[in-house]
Amino acid sequence: MDNSFAMGDLVTPGSGTGQDDTPGDSAVTRSYAQILDMVLSFRLKPGERVNESELSRHLGVSRTPLREALNRLVTEGILISRPSKGFFCRQISADEIFQLYQLRTAIEIGGIKLAVARVTDAEIDAFEAFMDESRKAQEATPRTQLSLDEIFHERLLGLSGNQEMVSVLRSVNRKIRSVRLIDLTRMGRTETQREHSEILSLLRQRDAERCAQVLEEHIVQRLDQIDSAIREVYGRIYAGPPLRKDEWHC
């Protein structure tokens, strides 16, 4: 497994680079990334119907690639499709977010146990080099910091050698991203990075039990803040100050 990483490699999770796309695929990929950004920045509000004609003009794409991008977002659980009514942005439900955190916890704990049994010191060395690079983004926007955090957890799970588990985690991360972004904005990354370093140290020691315990505590400690984070999401959308573009974009 190639674990090399540089800050220049960073892209918004799930957006893709589009470098190998055909022209048609490129329009779909670009539309997908732009619509996802609109959801994350709440320019498309929870529960809001997507106006396809207006969106097509805004993005400068025809209806065919736009519809493909929208269907991809439905597949990933970001939008929902209602027959004869169109596409809608998903509502944010505390119960759903809680269940997704439970799923995330189960996947990551199972993955770290597999990783302890198979990871090499060279892979851990490369991971620590990534950690050193990510610390340079301490003053970056919350969006970039969240992207780095997702990369950490997906990369950690990747050490299990099970790419199906990584795919599930990526899907979960997309669905909880807006709530996690609020949480990260409030909490910052200093404590998060300390916990990440402890997890890697325990992984190097091949201490499966303690590594799983610290990882679980690291994930579930955010559960108590789900309700308040969701309230803050809706407060920012409907009652708070306008979201600044530089707050949300890498």
Protein backbone atom coordinates (compact mmCIF):
# COMPACT_ATOMS: atom_id res chain seq x y z
CA MET A 1 0.00 0.00 0.00
CA ASP A 2 1.34 3.48 -0.95
CA ASN A 3 0.91 5.70 2.09
CA SER A 4 2.76 8.75 0.75
CA PHE A 5 0.99 12.06 1.27
CA ALA A 6 1.58 15.74 0.69
CA MET A 7 -0.62 18.71 1.50
CA GLY A 8 -0.88 19.43 -2.20
CA ASP A 9 -2.67 16.10 -2.62
CA LEU A 10 -5.58 17.29 -0.52
CA VAL A 11 -8.98 17.47 -2.20
CA THR A 12 -12.40 17.79 -0.68
CA PRO A 13 -13.47 14.23 0.21
CA GLY A 14 -15.86 12.78 -2.33
CA SER A 15 -15.29 15.49 -4.92
CA GLY A 16 -12.74 13.72 -7.13
CA THR A 17 -10.22 15.51 -9.29
CA GLY A 18 -11.75 14.87 -12.67
CA GLN A 19 -8.30 14.62 -14.27
CA ASP A 20 -9.03 11.34 -16.00
CA ASP A 21 -12.64 12.12 -16.90
CA THR A 22 -14.03 12.29 -20.41
CA PRO A 23 -15.76 15.62 -21.24
CA GLY A 24 -19.18 14.24 -20.31
CA ASP A 25 -17.90 12.69 -17.10
CA SER A 26 -16.09 15.92 -16.27
CA ALA A 27 -19.35 17.88 -16.40
CA VAL A 28 -20.97 15.33 -14.07
CA THR A 29 -18.01 15.38 -11.67
CA ARG A 30 -17.87 19.18 -11.64
CA SER A 31 -21.62 19.46 -11.08
CA TYR A 32 -21.49 16.84 -8.33
CA ALA A 33 -18.72 18.72 -6.48
CA GLN A 34 -20.46 22.09 -6.82
CA ILE A 35 -23.83 20.80 -5.64
CA LEU A 36 -22.21 18.99 -2.72
CA ASP A 37 -20.52 22.26 -1.79
CA MET A 38 -23.88 24.04 -1.93
CA VAL A 39 -25.30 21.45 0.49
CA LEU A 40 -22.36 21.73 2.90
CA SER A 41 -22.46 25.53 2.89
CA PHE A 42 -26.29 25.46 3.32
CA ARG A 43 -26.94 27.38 0.11
CA LEU A 44 -29.24 24.39 -0.41
CA LYS A 45 -31.13 24.19 2.87
CA PRO A 46 -32.28 20.97 4.59
CA GLY A 47 -35.64 19.98 3.15
CA GLU A 48 -35.37 22.40 0.21
CA ARG A 49 -36.46 21.29 -3.26
CA VAL A 50 -33.76 21.50 -5.94
CA ASN A 51 -34.79 23.74 -8.83
CA GLU A 52 -33.16 21.87 -11.71
CA SER A 53 -33.70 24.58 -14.32
CA GLU A 54 -32.20 27.27 -12.14
CA LEU A 55 -29.35 25.01 -11.05
CA SER A 56 -28.57 24.10 -14.66
CA ARG A 57 -28.23 27.79 -15.54
CA HIS A 58 -26.22 28.55 -12.41
CA LEU A 59 -23.72 25.75 -13.02
CA GLY A 60 -23.61 26.22 -16.78
CA VAL A 61 -24.35 22.57 -17.59
CA SER A 62 -27.09 20.79 -19.52
CA ARG A 63 -29.81 18.84 -17.79
CA THR A 64 -28.29 15.42 -18.61
CA PRO A 65 -25.01 15.72 -16.62
CA LEU A 66 -26.87 17.66 -13.93
CA ARG A 67 -29.36 14.84 -13.51
CA GLU A 68 -26.52 12.30 -13.32
CA ALA A 69 -24.84 14.36 -10.60
CA LEU A 70 -28.10 14.67 -8.66
CA ASN A 71 -28.71 10.93 -8.87
CA ARG A 72 -25.19 10.27 -7.61
CA LEU A 73 -25.92 12.49 -4.60
CA VAL A 74 -29.13 10.54 -4.02
CA THR A 75 -27.16 7.28 -4.10
CA GLU A 76 -24.78 8.70 -1.50
CA GLY A 77 -27.62 9.82 0.76
CA ILE A 78 -26.97 13.56 0.38
CA LEU A 79 -30.20 14.24 -1.54
CA ILE A 80 -33.48 12.37 -1.74
CA SER A 81 -35.62 11.81 -4.84
CA ARG A 82 -39.40 11.90 -4.70
CA PRO A 83 -41.32 10.56 -7.72
CA SER A 84 -43.04 13.33 -9.70
CA LYS A 85 -41.73 15.92 -7.21
CA GLY A 86 -38.00 16.06 -7.89
CA PHE A 87 -34.87 16.18 -5.76
CA PHE A 88 -34.71 17.48 -2.20
CA CYS A 89 -31.95 18.20 0.28
CA ARG A 90 -32.09 15.77 3.20
CA GLN A 91 -33.34 16.96 6.55
CA ILE A 92 -30.85 16.69 9.40
CA SER A 93 -32.17 14.25 12.02
CA ALA A 94 -30.52 13.77 15.42
CA ASP A 95 -31.62 10.12 15.47
CA GLU A 96 -30.15 9.44 12.02
CA ILE A 97 -26.86 11.17 12.91
CA PHE A 98 -26.69 9.11 16.12
CA GLN A 99 -27.17 5.87 14.17
CA LEU A 100 -24.50 6.92 11.66
CA TYR A 101 -22.08 7.55 14.52
CA GLN A 102 -22.86 4.07 15.85
CA LEU A 103 -22.10 2.63 12.40
CA ARG A 104 -18.91 4.66 12.14
CA THR A 105 -17.78 3.45 15.56
CA ALA A 106 -18.43 -0.21 14.74
CA ILE A 107 -16.57 0.00 11.43
CA GLU A 108 -13.54 1.84 12.78
CA ILE A 109 -13.18 -0.35 15.87
CA GLY A 110 -13.40 -3.49 13.75
CA GLY A 111 -10.91 -2.02 11.31
CA ILE A 112 -8.31 -1.03 13.89
CA LYS A 113 -8.27 -4.58 15.26
CA LEU A 114 -7.53 -5.88 11.78
CA ALA A 115 -4.91 -3.17 11.27
CA VAL A 116 -3.01 -4.05 14.44
CA ALA A 117 -2.56 -7.58 13.13
CA ARG A 118 -1.23 -6.62 9.70
CA VAL A 119 0.22 -3.08 9.71
CA THR A 120 3.95 -2.61 9.09
CA ASP A 121 6.28 -0.13 10.76
CA ALA A 122 6.88 1.45 7.35
CA GLU A 123 3.15 2.14 6.99
CA ILE A 124 3.05 3.71 10.44
CA ASP A 125 6.11 5.83 9.59
CA ALA A 126 4.32 7.11 6.47
CA PHE A 127 1.19 7.80 8.50
CA GLU A 128 3.20 9.84 11.02
CA ALA A 129 4.70 11.84 8.14
CA PHE A 130 1.14 12.64 7.06
CA MET A 131 0.37 13.75 10.63
CA ASP A 132 3.39 16.07 10.60
CA GLU A 133 2.16 17.60 7.34
CA SER A 134 -1.41 17.99 8.59
CA ARG A 135 -0.25 19.98 11.64
CA LYS A 136 0.82 22.72 9.22
CA ALA A 137 -2.88 23.29 8.52
CA GLN A 138 -3.64 24.23 12.14
CA GLU A 139 -4.81 27.70 11.05
CA ALA A 140 -6.62 26.47 7.94
CA THR A 141 -10.37 26.85 7.39
CA PRO A 142 -12.70 24.46 9.24
CA ARG A 143 -13.52 22.85 5.88
CA THR A 144 -9.86 21.98 5.24
CA GLN A 145 -9.39 20.77 8.81
CA LEU A 146 -12.43 18.51 8.52
CA SER A 147 -11.09 17.15 5.24
CA LEU A 148 -7.80 16.28 6.96
CA ASP A 149 -9.66 14.62 9.83
CA GLU A 150 -11.67 12.48 7.43
CA ILE A 151 -8.48 11.54 5.59
CA PHE A 152 -6.92 10.47 8.90
CA HIS A 153 -9.80 8.14 9.78
CA GLU A 154 -10.20 6.73 6.27
CA ARG A 155 -6.45 6.17 6.00
CA LEU A 156 -6.39 4.54 9.45
CA LEU A 157 -9.19 2.19 8.42
CA GLY A 158 -7.33 1.52 5.17
CA LEU A 159 -4.54 -0.09 7.19
CA SER A 160 -7.01 -2.93 7.84
CA GLY A 161 -6.65 -3.91 4.18
CA ASN A 162 -10.45 -3.94 3.81
CA GLN A 163 -11.47 -1.40 1.16
CA GLU A 164 -15.16 -2.25 1.51
CA MET A 165 -15.04 -0.96 5.09
CA VAL A 166 -13.33 2.22 3.85
CA SER A 167 -16.09 2.74 1.26
CA VAL A 168 -18.77 2.47 3.95
CA LEU A 169 -16.91 4.94 6.17
CA ARG A 170 -16.66 7.44 3.32
CA SER A 171 -20.41 7.19 2.81
CA VAL A 172 -21.02 7.79 6.53
CA ASN A 173 -18.62 10.75 6.54
CA ARG A 174 -20.52 12.44 3.72
CA LYS A 175 -23.79 12.18 5.61
CA ILE A 176 -22.48 13.56 8.92
CA ARG A 177 -20.14 16.16 7.42
CA SER A 178 -22.31 19.23 7.99
CA VAL A 179 -22.79 18.41 11.69
CA ARG A 180 -19.11 17.54 12.14
CA LEU A 181 -18.13 20.83 10.53
CA ILE A 182 -20.09 22.77 13.15
CA ASP A 183 -18.56 20.63 15.90
CA LEU A 184 -15.03 21.17 14.60
CA THR A 185 -15.60 24.92 14.28
CA ARG A 186 -16.48 25.01 17.98
CA MET A 187 -13.92 22.53 19.30
CA GLY A 188 -10.84 23.08 17.15
CA ARG A 189 -8.24 20.42 16.27
CA THR A 190 -5.64 20.64 19.06
CA GLU A 191 -7.22 17.94 21.24
CA THR A 192 -8.19 15.93 18.16
CA GLN A 193 -4.59 15.83 16.94
CA ARG A 194 -3.35 14.78 20.39
CA GLU A 195 -5.78 11.86 20.34
CA HIS A 196 -4.76 10.96 16.78
CA SER A 197 -1.11 10.82 17.88
CA GLU A 198 -2.01 8.58 20.83
CA ILE A 199 -3.90 6.19 18.53
CA LEU A 200 -0.89 5.91 16.20
CA SER A 201 1.44 5.35 19.16
CA LEU A 202 -0.72 2.49 20.42
CA LEU A 203 -0.92 1.09 16.89
CA ARG A 204 2.89 1.04 16.72
CA GLN A 205 2.92 -0.84 20.04
CA ARG A 206 0.42 -3.33 18.55
CA ASP A 207 -1.79 -2.79 21.61
CA ALA A 208 -5.09 -3.80 20.02
CA GLU A 209 -7.27 -3.49 23.13
CA ARG A 210 -6.04 -0.06 24.23
CA CYS A 211 -5.91 1.26 20.66
CA ALA A 212 -9.54 0.27 20.07
CA GLN A 213 -10.55 1.80 23.41
CA VAL A 214 -8.93 5.18 22.71
CA LEU A 215 -10.33 5.25 19.17
CA GLU A 216 -13.84 4.49 20.42
CA GLU A 217 -13.63 7.21 23.07
CA HIS A 218 -12.34 9.62 20.44
CA ILE A 219 -15.37 9.01 18.22
CA VAL A 220 -18.22 8.67 20.72
CA GLN A 221 -17.32 11.71 22.82
CA ARG A 222 -18.91 13.79 20.07
CA LEU A 223 -22.29 12.08 20.46
CA ASP A 224 -23.29 14.22 23.44
CA GLN A 225 -22.98 17.29 21.25
CA ILE A 226 -25.12 16.14 18.32
CA ASP A 227 -28.32 17.87 19.40
CA SER A 228 -26.62 21.19 20.06
CA ALA A 229 -24.65 20.94 16.81
CA ILE A 230 -27.84 20.33 14.80
CA ARG A 231 -29.56 23.25 16.54
CA GLU A 232 -26.59 25.42 15.62
CA VAL A 233 -26.80 24.24 12.00
CA TYR A 234 -30.42 25.36 11.76
CA GLY A 235 -29.64 28.54 13.68
CA ARG A 236 -26.96 29.47 11.17
CA ILE A 237 -29.25 28.74 8.26
CA TYR A 238 -32.37 30.53 9.39
CA ALA A 239 -31.45 32.96 12.17
CA GLY A 240 -27.70 33.49 12.28
CA PRO A 241 -25.38 35.68 10.25
CA PRO A 242 -24.72 34.74 6.60
CA LEU A 243 -22.11 32.03 6.15
CA ARG A 244 -18.85 33.49 4.83
CA LYS A 245 -17.47 31.77 1.75
CA ASP A 246 -13.97 31.66 3.25
CA GLU A 247 -15.31 29.79 6.29
CA TRP A 248 -16.44 26.82 4.22
CA HIS A 249 -14.06 26.56 1.29
CA CYS A 250 -10.58 25.06 1.15
